[in-house]
PDB file of all heavy atoms in Angstrom:
ATOM      1  N   GLN A   1       0.878  -1.240  -0.002  1.00  0.00           N
ATOM      2  CA  GLN A   1      -0.026  -0.012  -0.040  1.00  0.00           C
ATOM      3  C   GLN A   1       0.870   1.222  -0.004  1.00  0.00           C
ATOM      4  O   GLN A   1       0.602   2.268  -0.775  1.00  0.00           O
ATOM      5  CB  GLN A   1      -0.966  -0.016   1.238  1.00  0.00           C
ATOM      6  CG  GLN A   1      -2.135  -0.809   1.237  1.00  0.00           C
ATOM      7  CD  GLN A   1      -3.064  -0.504   2.253  1.00  0.00           C
ATOM      8  OE1 GLN A   1      -3.907   0.375   2.232  1.00  0.00           O
ATOM      9  NE2 GLN A   1      -3.154  -1.418   3.318  1.00  0.00           N
ATOM     10  N   THR A   2       1.879   1.240   0.784  1.00  0.00           N
ATOM     11  CA  THR A   2       2.761   2.466   0.968  1.00  0.00           C
ATOM     12  C   THR A   2       3.489   2.685  -0.408  1.00  0.00           C
ATOM     13  O   THR A   2       3.644   3.786  -0.765  1.00  0.00           O
ATOM     14  CB  THR A   2       3.780   2.207   2.028  1.00  0.00           C
ATOM     15  OG1 THR A   2       3.154   1.979   3.338  1.00  0.00           O
ATOM     16  CG2 THR A   2       4.760   3.424   2.211  1.00  0.00           C
ATOM     17  N   GLU A   3       3.967   1.530  -1.049  1.00  0.00           N
ATOM     18  CA  GLU A   3       4.588   1.682  -2.305  1.00  0.00           C
ATOM     19  C   GLU A   3       3.704   1.741  -3.536  1.00  0.00           C
ATOM     20  O   GLU A   3       4.101   1.916  -4.588  1.00  0.00           O
ATOM     21  CB  GLU A   3       5.484   0.449  -2.438  1.00  0.00           C
ATOM     22  CG  GLU A   3       6.667   0.330  -1.391  1.00  0.00           C
ATOM     23  CD  GLU A   3       7.392  -1.014  -1.637  1.00  0.00           C
ATOM     24  OE1 GLU A   3       6.964  -1.941  -2.287  1.00  0.00           O
ATOM     25  OE2 GLU A   3       8.613  -0.970  -1.082  1.00  0.00           O
ATOM     26  N   ARG A   4       2.356   1.731  -3.223  1.00  0.00           N
ATOM     27  CA  ARG A   4       1.320   1.758  -4.349  1.00  0.00           C
ATOM     28  C   ARG A   4       1.492   0.673  -5.386  1.00  0.00           C
ATOM     29  O   ARG A   4       1.255   0.940  -6.524  1.00  0.00           O
ATOM     30  CB  ARG A   4       1.338   3.162  -4.901  1.00  0.00           C
ATOM     31  CG  ARG A   4       1.163   4.286  -3.807  1.00  0.00           C
ATOM     32  CD  ARG A   4       0.956   5.650  -4.395  1.00  0.00           C
ATOM     33  NE  ARG A   4      -0.423   5.787  -5.181  1.00  0.00           N
ATOM     34  CZ  ARG A   4      -1.506   5.980  -4.527  1.00  0.00           C
ATOM     35  NH1 ARG A   4      -1.564   6.209  -3.162  1.00  0.00           N
ATOM     36  NH2 ARG A   4      -2.660   6.082  -5.168  1.00  0.00           N
ATOM     37  N   ASP A   5       2.022  -0.403  -4.923  1.00  0.00           N
ATOM     38  CA  ASP A   5       2.067  -1.575  -5.822  1.00  0.00           C
ATOM     39  C   ASP A   5       0.760  -2.405  -5.668  1.00  0.00           C
ATOM     40  O   ASP A   5       0.829  -3.385  -4.897  1.00  0.00           O
ATOM     41  CB  ASP A   5       3.325  -2.426  -5.492  1.00  0.00           C
ATOM     42  CG  ASP A   5       3.732  -3.497  -6.444  1.00  0.00           C
ATOM     43  OD1 ASP A   5       2.711  -3.914  -7.264  1.00  0.00           O
ATOM     44  OD2 ASP A   5       4.885  -3.955  -6.517  1.00  0.00           O
ATOM     45  N   TRP A   6      -0.209  -1.945  -6.319  1.00  0.00           N
ATOM     46  CA  TRP A   6      -1.592  -2.543  -6.078  1.00  0.00           C
ATOM     47  C   TRP A   6      -1.776  -3.915  -6.527  1.00  0.00           C
ATOM     48  O   TRP A   6      -2.419  -4.764  -5.918  1.00  0.00           O
ATOM     49  CB  TRP A   6      -2.624  -1.650  -6.834  1.00  0.00           C
ATOM     50  CG  TRP A   6      -2.404  -0.224  -6.422  1.00  0.00           C
ATOM     51  CD1 TRP A   6      -2.140   0.845  -7.240  1.00  0.00           C
ATOM     52  CD2 TRP A   6      -2.676   0.311  -5.163  1.00  0.00           C
ATOM     53  NE1 TRP A   6      -2.074   1.908  -6.522  1.00  0.00           N
ATOM     54  CE2 TRP A   6      -2.442   1.771  -5.199  1.00  0.00           C
ATOM     55  CE3 TRP A   6      -2.901  -0.213  -3.845  1.00  0.00           C
ATOM     56  CZ2 TRP A   6      -2.500   2.527  -4.138  1.00  0.00           C
ATOM     57  CZ3 TRP A   6      -2.984   0.623  -2.711  1.00  0.00           C
ATOM     58  CH2 TRP A   6      -2.793   1.944  -2.958  1.00  0.00           C
ATOM     59  N   GLU A   7      -0.982  -4.496  -7.532  1.00  0.00           N
ATOM     60  CA  GLU A   7      -1.135  -5.842  -7.921  1.00  0.00           C
ATOM     61  C   GLU A   7      -0.603  -6.803  -6.841  1.00  0.00           C
ATOM     62  O   GLU A   7      -1.274  -7.669  -6.512  1.00  0.00           O
ATOM     63  CB  GLU A   7      -0.305  -6.098  -9.296  1.00  0.00           C
ATOM     64  CG  GLU A   7      -0.848  -5.439 -10.416  1.00  0.00           C
ATOM     65  CD  GLU A   7      -0.325  -4.061 -10.784  1.00  0.00           C
ATOM     66  OE1 GLU A   7       0.377  -3.502  -9.778  1.00  0.00           O
ATOM     67  OE2 GLU A   7      -0.471  -3.546 -11.879  1.00  0.00           O
ATOM     68  N   LYS A   8       0.491  -6.397  -6.236  1.00  0.00           N
ATOM     69  CA  LYS A   8       1.046  -7.177  -5.142  1.00  0.00           C
ATOM     70  C   LYS A   8       0.222  -7.127  -3.934  1.00  0.00           C
ATOM     71  O   LYS A   8      -0.053  -8.084  -3.199  1.00  0.00           O
ATOM     72  CB  LYS A   8       2.482  -6.846  -4.892  1.00  0.00           C
ATOM     73  CG  LYS A   8       3.479  -7.204  -5.942  1.00  0.00           C
ATOM     74  CD  LYS A   8       4.898  -6.970  -5.547  1.00  0.00           C
ATOM     75  CE  LYS A   8       5.929  -7.377  -6.643  1.00  0.00           C
ATOM     76  NZ  LYS A   8       7.265  -6.981  -6.170  1.00  0.00           N
ATOM     77  N   ALA A   9      -0.392  -5.952  -3.620  1.00  0.00           N
ATOM     78  CA  ALA A   9      -1.212  -5.787  -2.580  1.00  0.00           C
ATOM     79  C   ALA A   9      -2.539  -6.670  -2.658  1.00  0.00           C
ATOM     80  O   ALA A   9      -2.916  -7.270  -1.769  1.00  0.00           O
ATOM     81  CB  ALA A   9      -1.651  -4.295  -2.448  1.00  0.00           C
ATOM     82  N   ILE A  10      -3.030  -6.752  -3.916  1.00  0.00           N
ATOM     83  CA  ILE A  10      -4.193  -7.514  -4.222  1.00  0.00           C
ATOM     84  C   ILE A  10      -3.858  -8.981  -3.973  1.00  0.00           C
ATOM     85  O   ILE A  10      -4.519  -9.781  -3.402  1.00  0.00           O
ATOM     86  CB  ILE A  10      -4.665  -7.357  -5.613  1.00  0.00           C
ATOM     87  CG1 ILE A  10      -5.359  -5.944  -5.715  1.00  0.00           C
ATOM     88  CG2 ILE A  10      -5.723  -8.398  -6.051  1.00  0.00           C
ATOM     89  CD1 ILE A  10      -5.457  -5.500  -7.111  1.00  0.00           C
ATOM     90  N   ASP A  11      -2.627  -9.445  -4.555  1.00  0.00           N
ATOM     91  CA  ASP A  11      -2.276 -10.887  -4.369  1.00  0.00           C
ATOM     92  C   ASP A  11      -2.105 -11.283  -2.918  1.00  0.00           C
ATOM     93  O   ASP A  11      -2.586 -12.297  -2.474  1.00  0.00           O
ATOM     94  CB  ASP A  11      -1.066 -11.053  -5.215  1.00  0.00           C
ATOM     95  CG  ASP A  11      -0.411 -12.464  -5.078  1.00  0.00           C
ATOM     96  OD1 ASP A  11      -1.127 -13.385  -5.562  1.00  0.00           O
ATOM     97  OD2 ASP A  11       0.733 -12.721  -4.485  1.00  0.00           O
ATOM     98  N   ASN A  12      -1.427 -10.426  -2.061  1.00  0.00           N
ATOM     99  CA  ASN A  12      -1.227 -10.746  -0.685  1.00  0.00           C
ATOM    100  C   ASN A  12      -2.564 -10.726   0.062  1.00  0.00           C
ATOM    101  O   ASN A  12      -2.701 -11.494   1.073  1.00  0.00           O
ATOM    102  CB  ASN A  12      -0.122  -9.935  -0.086  1.00  0.00           C
ATOM    103  CG  ASN A  12       1.321 -10.296  -0.545  1.00  0.00           C
ATOM    104  OD1 ASN A  12       1.842 -11.185   0.000  1.00  0.00           O
ATOM    105  ND2 ASN A  12       1.736  -9.846  -1.571  1.00  0.00           N
ATOM    106  N   ALA A  13      -3.388  -9.742  -0.258  1.00  0.00           N
ATOM    107  CA  ALA A  13      -4.719  -9.748   0.412  1.00  0.00           C
ATOM    108  C   ALA A  13      -5.492 -10.928   0.209  1.00  0.00           C
ATOM    109  O   ALA A  13      -6.177 -11.353   1.101  1.00  0.00           O
ATOM    110  CB  ALA A  13      -5.435  -8.447  -0.031  1.00  0.00           C
ATOM    111  N   SER A  14      -5.467 -11.511  -1.083  1.00  0.00           N
ATOM    112  CA  SER A  14      -6.183 -12.674  -1.379  1.00  0.00           C
ATOM    113  C   SER A  14      -5.571 -13.855  -0.576  1.00  0.00           C
ATOM    114  O   SER A  14      -6.383 -14.629  -0.186  1.00  0.00           O
ATOM    115  CB  SER A  14      -6.190 -12.950  -2.937  1.00  0.00           C
ATOM    116  OG  SER A  14      -6.665 -11.869  -3.606  1.00  0.00           O
ATOM    117  N   ARG A  15      -4.228 -13.860  -0.531  1.00  0.00           N
ATOM    118  CA  ARG A  15      -3.693 -15.067   0.243  1.00  0.00           C
ATOM    119  C   ARG A  15      -3.923 -14.952   1.750  1.00  0.00           C
ATOM    120  O   ARG A  15      -4.198 -15.925   2.297  1.00  0.00           O
ATOM    121  CB  ARG A  15      -2.207 -14.956   0.020  1.00  0.00           C
ATOM    122  CG  ARG A  15      -1.678 -15.264  -1.511  1.00  0.00           C
ATOM    123  CD  ARG A  15      -0.218 -15.029  -1.682  1.00  0.00           C
ATOM    124  NE  ARG A  15       0.573 -15.914  -0.765  1.00  0.00           N
ATOM    125  CZ  ARG A  15       1.980 -15.708  -0.585  1.00  0.00           C
ATOM    126  NH1 ARG A  15       2.564 -14.786  -1.178  1.00  0.00           N
ATOM    127  NH2 ARG A  15       2.560 -16.545   0.173  1.00  0.00           N
ATOM    128  N   TYR A  16      -3.987 -13.725   2.280  1.00  0.00           N
ATOM    129  CA  TYR A  16      -4.362 -13.479   3.688  1.00  0.00           C
ATOM    130  C   TYR A  16      -5.744 -13.946   3.959  1.00  0.00           C
ATOM    131  O   TYR A  16      -5.979 -14.598   5.019  1.00  0.00           O
ATOM    132  CB  TYR A  16      -4.249 -12.078   3.994  1.00  0.00           C
ATOM    133  CG  TYR A  16      -4.564 -11.764   5.431  1.00  0.00           C
ATOM    134  CD1 TYR A  16      -3.622 -11.963   6.377  1.00  0.00           C
ATOM    135  CD2 TYR A  16      -5.830 -11.236   5.771  1.00  0.00           C
ATOM    136  CE1 TYR A  16      -3.917 -11.729   7.770  1.00  0.00           C
ATOM    137  CE2 TYR A  16      -6.092 -10.918   7.029  1.00  0.00           C
ATOM    138  CZ  TYR A  16      -5.216 -11.214   8.101  1.00  0.00           C
ATOM    139  OH  TYR A  16      -5.599 -10.995   9.311  1.00  0.00           O
ATOM    140  N   GLU A  17      -6.699 -13.671   2.982  1.00  0.00           N
ATOM    141  CA  GLU A  17      -8.029 -14.151   3.200  1.00  0.00           C
ATOM    142  C   GLU A  17      -8.117 -15.592   3.219  1.00  0.00           C
ATOM    143  O   GLU A  17      -8.888 -16.166   4.048  1.00  0.00           O
ATOM    144  CB  GLU A  17      -8.948 -13.566   2.068  1.00  0.00           C
ATOM    145  CG  GLU A  17     -10.313 -13.851   2.299  1.00  0.00           C
ATOM    146  CD  GLU A  17     -11.197 -13.242   1.204  1.00  0.00           C
ATOM    147  OE1 GLU A  17     -11.121 -13.577  -0.044  1.00  0.00           O
ATOM    148  OE2 GLU A  17     -12.054 -12.380   1.438  1.00  0.00           O
ATOM    149  N   GLU A  18      -7.358 -16.343   2.423  1.00  0.00           N
ATOM    150  CA  GLU A  18      -7.334 -17.783   2.251  1.00  0.00           C
ATOM    151  C   GLU A  18      -6.851 -18.454   3.646  1.00  0.00           C
ATOM    152  O   GLU A  18      -7.372 -19.330   4.159  1.00  0.00           O
ATOM    153  CB  GLU A  18      -6.472 -18.293   1.080  1.00  0.00           C
ATOM    154  CG  GLU A  18      -6.980 -17.929  -0.181  1.00  0.00           C
ATOM    155  CD  GLU A  18      -6.120 -18.294  -1.289  1.00  0.00           C
ATOM    156  OE1 GLU A  18      -5.008 -18.931  -1.114  1.00  0.00           O
ATOM    157  OE2 GLU A  18      -6.415 -18.016  -2.567  1.00  0.00           O
ATOM    158  N   VAL A  19      -5.775 -17.859   4.156  1.00  0.00           N
ATOM    159  CA  VAL A  19      -5.034 -18.455   5.206  1.00  0.00           C
ATOM    160  C   VAL A  19      -5.654 -18.108   6.595  1.00  0.00           C
ATOM    161  O   VAL A  19      -5.647 -18.912   7.595  1.00  0.00           O
ATOM    162  CB  VAL A  19      -3.555 -18.249   5.303  1.00  0.00           C
ATOM    163  CG1 VAL A  19      -2.900 -18.724   4.127  1.00  0.00           C
ATOM    164  CG2 VAL A  19      -3.225 -16.713   5.553  1.00  0.00           C
ATOM    165  N   SER A  20      -6.383 -16.862   6.694  1.00  0.00           N
ATOM    166  CA  SER A  20      -6.913 -16.406   7.911  1.00  0.00           C
ATOM    167  C   SER A  20      -8.401 -16.573   8.000  1.00  0.00           C
ATOM    168  O   SER A  20      -9.017 -16.633   9.106  1.00  0.00           O
ATOM    169  CB  SER A  20      -6.424 -14.983   8.193  1.00  0.00           C
ATOM    170  OG  SER A  20      -7.244 -14.030   7.227  1.00  0.00           O
ATOM    171  N   GLY A  21      -9.066 -16.631   6.914  1.00  0.00           N
ATOM    172  CA  GLY A  21     -10.480 -16.695   6.890  1.00  0.00           C
ATOM    173  C   GLY A  21     -11.186 -15.298   7.005  1.00  0.00           C
ATOM    174  O   GLY A  21     -12.371 -15.185   6.987  1.00  0.00           O
ATOM    175  N   GLU A  22     -10.330 -14.292   7.218  1.00  0.00           N
ATOM    176  CA  GLU A  22     -10.918 -12.837   7.363  1.00  0.00           C
ATOM    177  C   GLU A  22     -11.268 -12.327   6.045  1.00  0.00           C
ATOM    178  O   GLU A  22     -10.475 -12.274   5.139  1.00  0.00           O
ATOM    179  CB  GLU A  22      -9.888 -12.010   8.071  1.00  0.00           C
ATOM    180  CG  GLU A  22     -10.332 -10.560   8.311  1.00  0.00           C
ATOM    181  CD  GLU A  22      -9.164  -9.653   8.892  1.00  0.00           C
ATOM    182  OE1 GLU A  22      -8.331 -10.295   9.655  1.00  0.00           O
ATOM    183  OE2 GLU A  22      -9.329  -8.485   8.853  1.00  0.00           O
ATOM    184  N   PRO A  23     -12.415 -11.856   5.878  1.00  0.00           N
ATOM    185  CA  PRO A  23     -12.881 -11.203   4.595  1.00  0.00           C
ATOM    186  C   PRO A  23     -12.029 -10.001   4.225  1.00  0.00           C
ATOM    187  O   PRO A  23     -11.868  -9.153   5.013  1.00  0.00           O
ATOM    188  CB  PRO A  23     -14.324 -10.790   4.760  1.00  0.00           C
ATOM    189  CG  PRO A  23     -14.780 -11.634   6.010  1.00  0.00           C
ATOM    190  CD  PRO A  23     -13.582 -11.768   6.828  1.00  0.00           C
ATOM    191  N   MET A  24     -11.536 -10.046   2.985  1.00  0.00           N
ATOM    192  CA  MET A  24     -10.688  -8.943   2.496  1.00  0.00           C
ATOM    193  C   MET A  24     -11.323  -8.339   1.406  1.00  0.00           C
ATOM    194  O   MET A  24     -10.702  -7.519   0.643  1.00  0.00           O
ATOM    195  CB  MET A  24      -9.289  -9.408   2.193  1.00  0.00           C
ATOM    196  CG  MET A  24      -8.533 -10.016   3.413  1.00  0.00           C
ATOM    197  SD  MET A  24      -8.193  -8.682   4.743  1.00  0.00           S
ATOM    198  CE  MET A  24      -6.829  -7.935   3.941  1.00  0.00           C
ATOM    199  N   GLY A  25     -12.650  -8.606   0.969  1.00  0.00           N
ATOM    200  CA  GLY A  25     -13.139  -8.103  -0.239  1.00  0.00           C
ATOM    201  C   GLY A  25     -13.207  -6.663  -0.452  1.00  0.00           C
ATOM    202  O   GLY A  25     -12.867  -6.156  -1.500  1.00  0.00           O
ATOM    203  N   LYS A  26     -13.562  -6.008   0.634  1.00  0.00           N
ATOM    204  CA  LYS A  26     -13.614  -4.553   0.552  1.00  0.00           C
ATOM    205  C   LYS A  26     -12.348  -3.815   0.253  1.00  0.00           C
ATOM    206  O   LYS A  26     -12.227  -2.769  -0.473  1.00  0.00           O
ATOM    207  CB  LYS A  26     -14.346  -3.992   1.758  1.00  0.00           C
ATOM    208  CG  LYS A  26     -15.840  -4.256   1.968  1.00  0.00           C
ATOM    209  CD  LYS A  26     -16.462  -3.655   3.164  1.00  0.00           C
ATOM    210  CE  LYS A  26     -17.972  -4.105   3.243  1.00  0.00           C
ATOM    211  NZ  LYS A  26     -18.672  -3.608   2.095  1.00  0.00           N
ATOM    212  N   LEU A  27     -11.391  -4.363   1.028  1.00  0.00           N
ATOM    213  CA  LEU A  27     -10.021  -3.777   0.787  1.00  0.00           C
ATOM    214  C   LEU A  27      -9.442  -4.097  -0.642  1.00  0.00           C
ATOM    215  O   LEU A  27      -8.949  -3.204  -1.362  1.00  0.00           O
ATOM    216  CB  LEU A  27      -8.919  -4.375   1.788  1.00  0.00           C
ATOM    217  CG  LEU A  27      -7.591  -3.745   1.881  1.00  0.00           C
ATOM    218  CD1 LEU A  27      -7.641  -2.275   2.106  1.00  0.00           C
ATOM    219  CD2 LEU A  27      -6.729  -4.506   2.935  1.00  0.00           C
ATOM    220  N   ILE A  28      -9.635  -5.356  -1.078  1.00  0.00           N
ATOM    221  CA  ILE A  28      -9.261  -5.651  -2.505  1.00  0.00           C
ATOM    222  C   ILE A  28      -9.934  -4.770  -3.463  1.00  0.00           C
ATOM    223  O   ILE A  28      -9.331  -4.321  -4.426  1.00  0.00           O
ATOM    224  CB  ILE A  28      -9.538  -7.217  -2.719  1.00  0.00           C
ATOM    225  CG1 ILE A  28      -8.603  -8.067  -1.827  1.00  0.00           C
ATOM    226  CG2 ILE A  28      -9.373  -7.454  -4.253  1.00  0.00           C
ATOM    227  CD1 ILE A  28      -8.833  -9.539  -1.864  1.00  0.00           C
ATOM    228  N   ALA A  29     -11.214  -4.498  -3.254  1.00  0.00           N
ATOM    229  CA  ALA A  29     -11.983  -3.682  -4.173  1.00  0.00           C
ATOM    230  C   ALA A  29     -11.296  -2.226  -4.214  1.00  0.00           C
ATOM    231  O   ALA A  29     -11.223  -1.661  -5.274  1.00  0.00           O
ATOM    232  CB  ALA A  29     -13.427  -3.532  -3.733  1.00  0.00           C
ATOM    233  N   GLN A  30     -10.967  -1.686  -3.136  1.00  0.00           N
ATOM    234  CA  GLN A  30     -10.320  -0.406  -3.043  1.00  0.00           C
ATOM    235  C   GLN A  30      -8.957  -0.487  -3.942  1.00  0.00           C
ATOM    236  O   GLN A  30      -8.633   0.461  -4.661  1.00  0.00           O
ATOM    237  CB  GLN A  30      -9.918  -0.058  -1.578  1.00  0.00           C
ATOM    238  CG  GLN A  30     -11.113   0.264  -0.719  1.00  0.00           C
ATOM    239  CD  GLN A  30     -11.694   1.677  -1.134  1.00  0.00           C
ATOM    240  OE1 GLN A  30     -11.127   2.420  -2.056  1.00  0.00           O
ATOM    241  NE2 GLN A  30     -12.788   2.080  -0.579  1.00  0.00           N
ATOM    242  N   PHE A  31      -8.204  -1.602  -3.801  1.00  0.00           N
ATOM    243  CA  PHE A  31      -7.022  -1.765  -4.516  1.00  0.00           C
ATOM    244  C   PHE A  31      -7.256  -1.852  -6.073  1.00  0.00           C
ATOM    245  O   PHE A  31      -6.550  -1.209  -6.849  1.00  0.00           O
ATOM    246  CB  PHE A  31      -6.191  -3.028  -4.125  1.00  0.00           C
ATOM    247  CG  PHE A  31      -5.765  -2.925  -2.708  1.00  0.00           C
ATOM    248  CD1 PHE A  31      -5.411  -4.075  -2.025  1.00  0.00           C
ATOM    249  CD2 PHE A  31      -5.615  -1.726  -1.994  1.00  0.00           C
ATOM    250  CE1 PHE A  31      -4.838  -4.070  -0.769  1.00  0.00           C
ATOM    251  CE2 PHE A  31      -5.119  -1.801  -0.724  1.00  0.00           C
ATOM    252  CZ  PHE A  31      -4.820  -2.864  -0.128  1.00  0.00           C
ATOM    253  N   GLU A  32      -8.328  -2.602  -6.389  1.00  0.00           N
ATOM    254  CA  GLU A  32      -8.678  -2.649  -7.859  1.00  0.00           C
ATOM    255  C   GLU A  32      -9.144  -1.359  -8.355  1.00  0.00           C
ATOM    256  O   GLU A  32      -8.840  -0.924  -9.484  1.00  0.00           O
ATOM    257  CB  GLU A  32      -9.813  -3.682  -7.996  1.00  0.00           C
ATOM    258  CG  GLU A  32      -9.483  -5.134  -7.818  1.00  0.00           C
ATOM    259  CD  GLU A  32      -8.616  -5.690  -8.741  1.00  0.00           C
ATOM    260  OE1 GLU A  32      -8.147  -5.026  -9.757  1.00  0.00           O
ATOM    261  OE2 GLU A  32      -8.282  -6.958  -8.726  1.00  0.00           O
ATOM    262  N   CYS A  33      -9.815  -0.533  -7.559  1.00  0.00           N
ATOM    263  CA  CYS A  33     -10.190   0.857  -8.005  1.00  0.00           C
ATOM    264  C   CYS A  33      -8.942   1.731  -8.171  1.00  0.00           C
ATOM    265  O   CYS A  33      -8.874   2.634  -9.019  1.00  0.00           O
ATOM    266  CB  CYS A  33     -11.169   1.450  -6.937  1.00  0.00           C
ATOM    267  SG  CYS A  33     -12.795   0.811  -7.000  1.00  0.00           S
ATOM    268  N   GLU A  34      -7.971   1.634  -7.409  1.00  0.00           N
ATOM    269  CA  GLU A  34      -6.751   2.317  -7.520  1.00  0.00           C
ATOM    270  C   GLU A  34      -6.069   1.908  -8.892  1.00  0.00           C
ATOM    271  O   GLU A  34      -5.564   2.887  -9.574  1.00  0.00           O
ATOM    272  CB  GLU A  34      -5.733   2.052  -6.348  1.00  0.00           C
ATOM    273  CG  GLU A  34      -6.056   2.613  -5.079  1.00  0.00           C
ATOM    274  CD  GLU A  34      -5.892   4.053  -4.922  1.00  0.00           C
ATOM    275  OE1 GLU A  34      -5.132   4.691  -5.905  1.00  0.00           O
ATOM    276  OE2 GLU A  34      -6.381   4.709  -4.047  1.00  0.00           O
ATOM    277  N   LEU A  35      -6.117   0.697  -9.226  1.00  0.00           N
ATOM    278  CA  LEU A  35      -5.635   0.246 -10.564  1.00  0.00           C
ATOM    279  C   LEU A  35      -6.473   0.900 -11.612  1.00  0.00           C
ATOM    280  O   LEU A  35      -5.994   1.407 -12.685  1.00  0.00           O
ATOM    281  CB  LEU A  35      -5.621  -1.180 -10.741  1.00  0.00           C
ATOM    282  CG  LEU A  35      -4.460  -2.003 -10.097  1.00  0.00           C
ATOM    283  CD1 LEU A  35      -4.676  -3.444 -10.265  1.00  0.00           C
ATOM    284  CD2 LEU A  35      -3.164  -1.618 -10.764  1.00  0.00           C
ATOM    285  N   ALA A  36      -7.843   0.893 -11.534  1.00  0.00           N
ATOM    286  CA  ALA A  36      -8.737   1.435 -12.521  1.00  0.00           C
ATOM    287  C   ALA A  36      -8.387   2.926 -12.601  1.00  0.00           C
ATOM    288  O   ALA A  36      -8.370   3.483 -13.775  1.00  0.00           O
ATOM    289  CB  ALA A  36     -10.093   1.292 -12.143  1.00  0.00           C
ATOM    290  N   GLU A  37      -8.140   3.665 -11.537  1.00  0.00           N
ATOM    291  CA  GLU A  37      -7.829   5.149 -11.639  1.00  0.00           C
ATOM    292  C   GLU A  37      -6.596   5.361 -12.474  1.00  0.00           C
ATOM    293  O   GLU A  37      -6.459   6.200 -13.217  1.00  0.00           O
ATOM    294  CB  GLU A  37      -7.675   5.682 -10.269  1.00  0.00           C
ATOM    295  CG  GLU A  37      -8.865   5.741  -9.392  1.00  0.00           C
ATOM    296  CD  GLU A  37      -9.712   7.060  -9.710  1.00  0.00           C
ATOM    297  OE1 GLU A  37      -9.424   7.758 -10.706  1.00  0.00           O
ATOM    298  OE2 GLU A  37     -10.617   7.420  -8.729  1.00  0.00           O
ATOM    299  N   ARG A  38      -5.600   4.408 -12.187  1.00  0.00           N
ATOM    300  CA  ARG A  38      -4.335   4.554 -12.967  1.00  0.00           C
ATOM    301  C   ARG A  38      -4.484   4.300 -14.409  1.00  0.00           C
ATOM    302  O   ARG A  38      -4.021   4.988 -15.279  1.00  0.00           O
ATOM    303  CB  ARG A  38      -3.397   3.553 -12.378  1.00  0.00           C
ATOM    304  CG  ARG A  38      -1.948   3.576 -13.046  1.00  0.00           C
ATOM    305  CD  ARG A  38      -1.053   2.547 -12.340  1.00  0.00           C
ATOM    306  NE  ARG A  38      -0.748   2.853 -10.975  1.00  0.00           N
ATOM    307  CZ  ARG A  38      -0.263   1.947 -10.044  1.00  0.00           C
ATOM    308  NH1 ARG A  38       0.221   0.744 -10.433  1.00  0.00           N
ATOM    309  NH2 ARG A  38       0.092   2.334  -8.833  1.00  0.00           N
ATOM    310  N   HIS A  39      -5.312   3.297 -14.776  1.00  0.00           N
ATOM    311  CA  HIS A  39      -5.591   3.076 -16.229  1.00  0.00           C
ATOM    312  C   HIS A  39      -6.350   4.101 -16.845  1.00  0.00           C
ATOM    313  O   HIS A  39      -6.244   4.595 -18.011  1.00  0.00           O
ATOM    314  CB  HIS A  39      -6.355   1.714 -16.376  1.00  0.00           C
ATOM    315  CG  HIS A  39      -5.386   0.510 -16.053  1.00  0.00           C
ATOM    316  ND1 HIS A  39      -4.295   0.243 -16.614  1.00  0.00           N
ATOM    317  CD2 HIS A  39      -5.651  -0.554 -15.158  1.00  0.00           C
ATOM    318  CE1 HIS A  39      -3.770  -0.882 -16.183  1.00  0.00           C
ATOM    319  NE2 HIS A  39      -4.530  -1.434 -15.279  1.00  0.00           N
TER     320      HIS A  39
END
């Protein structure tokens, strides 16, 4: 997040959701929107 590397942030958030069971959808959506803004 600090480095604004949204692809890696999304990948690690998805992995975190898998191993912890904590929902990360809202955060991942924010990261995807950051990518959309960039495009």
